[in-house]
Amino acid sequence: LKTIVGALIQSVKKLSDVMILTVFCLAVFALIGLQLFM
């Protein structure tokens, strides 16, 4: 059980890193798009 919980925590940490990166990239693209279309 402990190993399963540990693996879950590790995967959640990796997923959160990916989510933060994705949101950051989307925000950058949105800013660039606004600058271009203004």
PDB file of N, CA and C in Angstrom:
ATOM      1  N   LEU A   1       0.843  -1.206   0.000  1.00  0.00           N
ATOM      2  CA  LEU A   1       0.000   0.000   0.000  1.00  0.00           C
ATOM      3  C   LEU A   1       0.874   1.249   0.000  1.00  0.00           C
ATOM      4  N   LYS A   2       1.945   1.220   0.794  1.00  0.00           N
ATOM      5  CA  LYS A   2       2.808   2.403   0.871  1.00  0.00           C
ATOM      6  C   LYS A   2       3.422   2.732  -0.489  1.00  0.00           C
ATOM      7  N   THR A   3       3.841   1.682  -1.208  1.00  0.00           N
ATOM      8  CA  THR A   3       4.469   1.924  -2.515  1.00  0.00           C
ATOM      9  C   THR A   3       3.471   2.534  -3.494  1.00  0.00           C
ATOM     10  N   ILE A   4       2.213   2.071  -3.428  1.00  0.00           N
ATOM     11  CA  ILE A   4       1.185   2.606  -4.327  1.00  0.00           C
ATOM     12  C   ILE A   4       0.954   4.086  -4.026  1.00  0.00           C
ATOM     13  N   VAL A   5       0.848   4.429  -2.740  1.00  0.00           N
ATOM     14  CA  VAL A   5       0.621   5.824  -2.358  1.00  0.00           C
ATOM     15  C   VAL A   5       1.803   6.678  -2.794  1.00  0.00           C
ATOM     16  N   GLY A   6       3.021   6.161  -2.591  1.00  0.00           N
ATOM     17  CA  GLY A   6       4.216   6.905  -3.001  1.00  0.00           C
ATOM     18  C   GLY A   6       4.230   7.152  -4.498  1.00  0.00           C
ATOM     19  N   ALA A   7       3.889   6.125  -5.272  1.00  0.00           N
ATOM     20  CA  ALA A   7       3.855   6.271  -6.727  1.00  0.00           C
ATOM     21  C   ALA A   7       2.800   7.296  -7.140  1.00  0.00           C
ATOM     22  N   LEU A   8       1.649   7.264  -6.470  1.00  0.00           N
ATOM     23  CA  LEU A   8       0.595   8.232  -6.782  1.00  0.00           C
ATOM     24  C   LEU A   8       1.069   9.654  -6.519  1.00  0.00           C
ATOM     25  N   ILE A   9       1.723   9.857  -5.361  1.00  0.00           N
ATOM     26  CA  ILE A   9       2.211  11.190  -5.011  1.00  0.00           C
ATOM     27  C   ILE A   9       3.231  11.663  -6.047  1.00  0.00           C
ATOM     28  N   GLN A  10       4.138  10.770  -6.450  1.00  0.00           N
ATOM     29  CA  GLN A  10       5.143  11.132  -7.454  1.00  0.00           C
ATOM     30  C   GLN A  10       4.471  11.540  -8.768  1.00  0.00           C
ATOM     31  N   SER A  11       3.504  10.754  -9.223  1.00  0.00           N
ATOM     32  CA  SER A  11       2.848  11.062 -10.496  1.00  0.00           C
ATOM     33  C   SER A  11       2.073  12.376 -10.396  1.00  0.00           C
ATOM     34  N   VAL A  12       1.456  12.636  -9.241  1.00  0.00           N
ATOM     35  CA  VAL A  12       0.715  13.891  -9.068  1.00  0.00           C
ATOM     36  C   VAL A  12       1.676  15.069  -9.134  1.00  0.00           C
ATOM     37  N   LYS A  13       2.856  14.934  -8.503  1.00  0.00           N
ATOM     38  CA  LYS A  13       3.849  16.014  -8.562  1.00  0.00           C
ATOM     39  C   LYS A  13       4.271  16.277 -10.000  1.00  0.00           C
ATOM     40  N   LYS A  14       4.535  15.195 -10.761  1.00  0.00           N
ATOM     41  CA  LYS A  14       4.928  15.372 -12.161  1.00  0.00           C
ATOM     42  C   LYS A  14       3.794  16.014 -12.951  1.00  0.00           C
ATOM     43  N   LEU A  15       2.560  15.565 -12.696  1.00  0.00           N
ATOM     44  CA  LEU A  15       1.415  16.116 -13.412  1.00  0.00           C
ATOM     45  C   LEU A  15       1.254  17.602 -13.110  1.00  0.00           C
ATOM     46  N   SER A  16       1.434  17.993 -11.846  1.00  0.00           N
ATOM     47  CA  SER A  16       1.291  19.405 -11.495  1.00  0.00           C
ATOM     48  C   SER A  16       2.357  20.233 -12.196  1.00  0.00           C
ATOM     49  N   ASP A  17       3.596  19.698 -12.304  1.00  0.00           N
ATOM     50  CA  ASP A  17       4.644  20.413 -13.035  1.00  0.00           C
ATOM     51  C   ASP A  17       4.221  20.621 -14.484  1.00  0.00           C
ATOM     52  N   VAL A  18       3.702  19.562 -15.106  1.00  0.00           N
ATOM     53  CA  VAL A  18       3.275  19.664 -16.505  1.00  0.00           C
ATOM     54  C   VAL A  18       2.138  20.673 -16.642  1.00  0.00           C
ATOM     55  N   MET A  19       1.187  20.646 -15.705  1.00  0.00           N
ATOM     56  CA  MET A  19       0.065  21.571 -15.764  1.00  0.00           C
ATOM     57  C   MET A  19       0.538  23.013 -15.663  1.00  0.00           C
ATOM     58  N   ILE A  20       1.478  23.280 -14.724  1.00  0.00           N
ATOM     59  CA  ILE A  20       1.998  24.637 -14.554  1.00  0.00           C
ATOM     60  C   ILE A  20       2.675  25.097 -15.840  1.00  0.00           C
ATOM     61  N   LEU A  21       3.483  24.217 -16.435  1.00  0.00           N
ATOM     62  CA  LEU A  21       4.160  24.562 -17.694  1.00  0.00           C
ATOM     63  C   LEU A  21       3.145  24.854 -18.793  1.00  0.00           C
ATOM     64  N   THR A  22       2.106  24.021 -18.887  1.00  0.00           N
ATOM     65  CA  THR A  22       1.098  24.208 -19.931  1.00  0.00           C
ATOM     66  C   THR A  22       0.371  25.537 -19.750  1.00  0.00           C
ATOM     67  N   VAL A  23      -0.034  25.835 -18.521  1.00  0.00           N
ATOM     68  CA  VAL A  23      -0.744  27.091 -18.249  1.00  0.00           C
ATOM     69  C   VAL A  23       0.153  28.274 -18.571  1.00  0.00           C
ATOM     70  N   PHE A  24       1.441  28.177 -18.195  1.00  0.00           N
ATOM     71  CA  PHE A  24       2.389  29.257 -18.470  1.00  0.00           C
ATOM     72  C   PHE A  24       2.514  29.493 -19.971  1.00  0.00           C
ATOM     73  N   CYS A  25       2.673  28.415 -20.733  1.00  0.00           N
ATOM     74  CA  CYS A  25       2.801  28.537 -22.193  1.00  0.00           C
ATOM     75  C   CYS A  25       1.535  29.149 -22.787  1.00  0.00           C
ATOM     76  N   LEU A  26       0.375  28.714 -22.326  1.00  0.00           N
ATOM     77  CA  LEU A  26      -0.877  29.259 -22.846  1.00  0.00           C
ATOM     78  C   LEU A  26      -0.985  30.747 -22.537  1.00  0.00           C
ATOM     79  N   ALA A  27      -0.572  31.152 -21.340  1.00  0.00           N
ATOM     80  CA  ALA A  27      -0.626  32.566 -20.967  1.00  0.00           C
ATOM     81  C   ALA A  27       0.291  33.385 -21.872  1.00  0.00           C
ATOM     82  N   VAL A  28       1.495  32.862 -22.147  1.00  0.00           N
ATOM     83  CA  VAL A  28       2.431  33.576 -23.022  1.00  0.00           C
ATOM     84  C   VAL A  28       1.832  33.732 -24.418  1.00  0.00           C
ATOM     85  N   PHE A  29       1.272  32.638 -24.959  1.00  0.00           N
ATOM     86  CA  PHE A  29       0.675  32.711 -26.294  1.00  0.00           C
ATOM     87  C   PHE A  29      -0.507  33.683 -26.309  1.00  0.00           C
ATOM     88  N   ALA A  30      -1.294  33.709 -25.243  1.00  0.00           N
ATOM     89  CA  ALA A  30      -2.434  34.626 -25.176  1.00  0.00           C
ATOM     90  C   ALA A  30      -1.948  36.070 -25.191  1.00  0.00           C
ATOM     91  N   LEU A  31      -0.878  36.365 -24.433  1.00  0.00           N
ATOM     92  CA  LEU A  31      -0.329  37.722 -24.418  1.00  0.00           C
ATOM     93  C   LEU A  31       0.178  38.112 -25.799  1.00  0.00           C
ATOM     94  N   ILE A  32       0.898  37.192 -26.462  1.00  0.00           N
ATOM     95  CA  ILE A  32       1.413  37.477 -27.808  1.00  0.00           C
ATOM     96  C   ILE A  32       0.248  37.731 -28.768  1.00  0.00           C
ATOM     97  N   GLY A  33      -0.781  36.903 -28.672  1.00  0.00           N
ATOM     98  CA  GLY A  33      -1.945  37.074 -29.533  1.00  0.00           C
ATOM     99  C   GLY A  33      -2.618  38.425 -29.310  1.00  0.00           C
ATOM    100  N   LEU A  34      -2.764  38.832 -28.059  1.00  0.00           N
ATOM    101  CA  LEU A  34      -3.370  40.128 -27.762  1.00  0.00           C
ATOM    102  C   LEU A  34      -2.528  41.253 -28.344  1.00  0.00           C
ATOM    103  N   GLN A  35      -1.200  41.157 -28.195  1.00  0.00           N
ATOM    104  CA  GLN A  35      -0.319  42.192 -28.730  1.00  0.00           C
ATOM    105  C   GLN A  35      -0.465  42.285 -30.250  1.00  0.00           C
ATOM    106  N   LEU A  36      -0.592  41.140 -30.915  1.00  0.00           N
ATOM    107  CA  LEU A  36      -0.685  41.139 -32.378  1.00  0.00           C
ATOM    108  C   LEU A  36      -2.025  41.699 -32.844  1.00  0.00           C
ATOM    109  N   PHE A  37      -3.111  41.368 -32.152  1.00  0.00           N
ATOM    110  CA  PHE A  37      -4.438  41.722 -32.637  1.00  0.00           C
ATOM    111  C   PHE A  37      -4.940  43.057 -32.099  1.00  0.00           C
ATOM    112  N   MET A  38      -4.211  43.682 -31.205  1.00  0.00           N
ATOM    113  CA  MET A  38      -4.643  44.976 -30.679  1.00  0.00           C
ATOM    114  C   MET A  38      -4.502  46.047 -31.757  1.00  0.00           C
TER     115      MET A  38
END
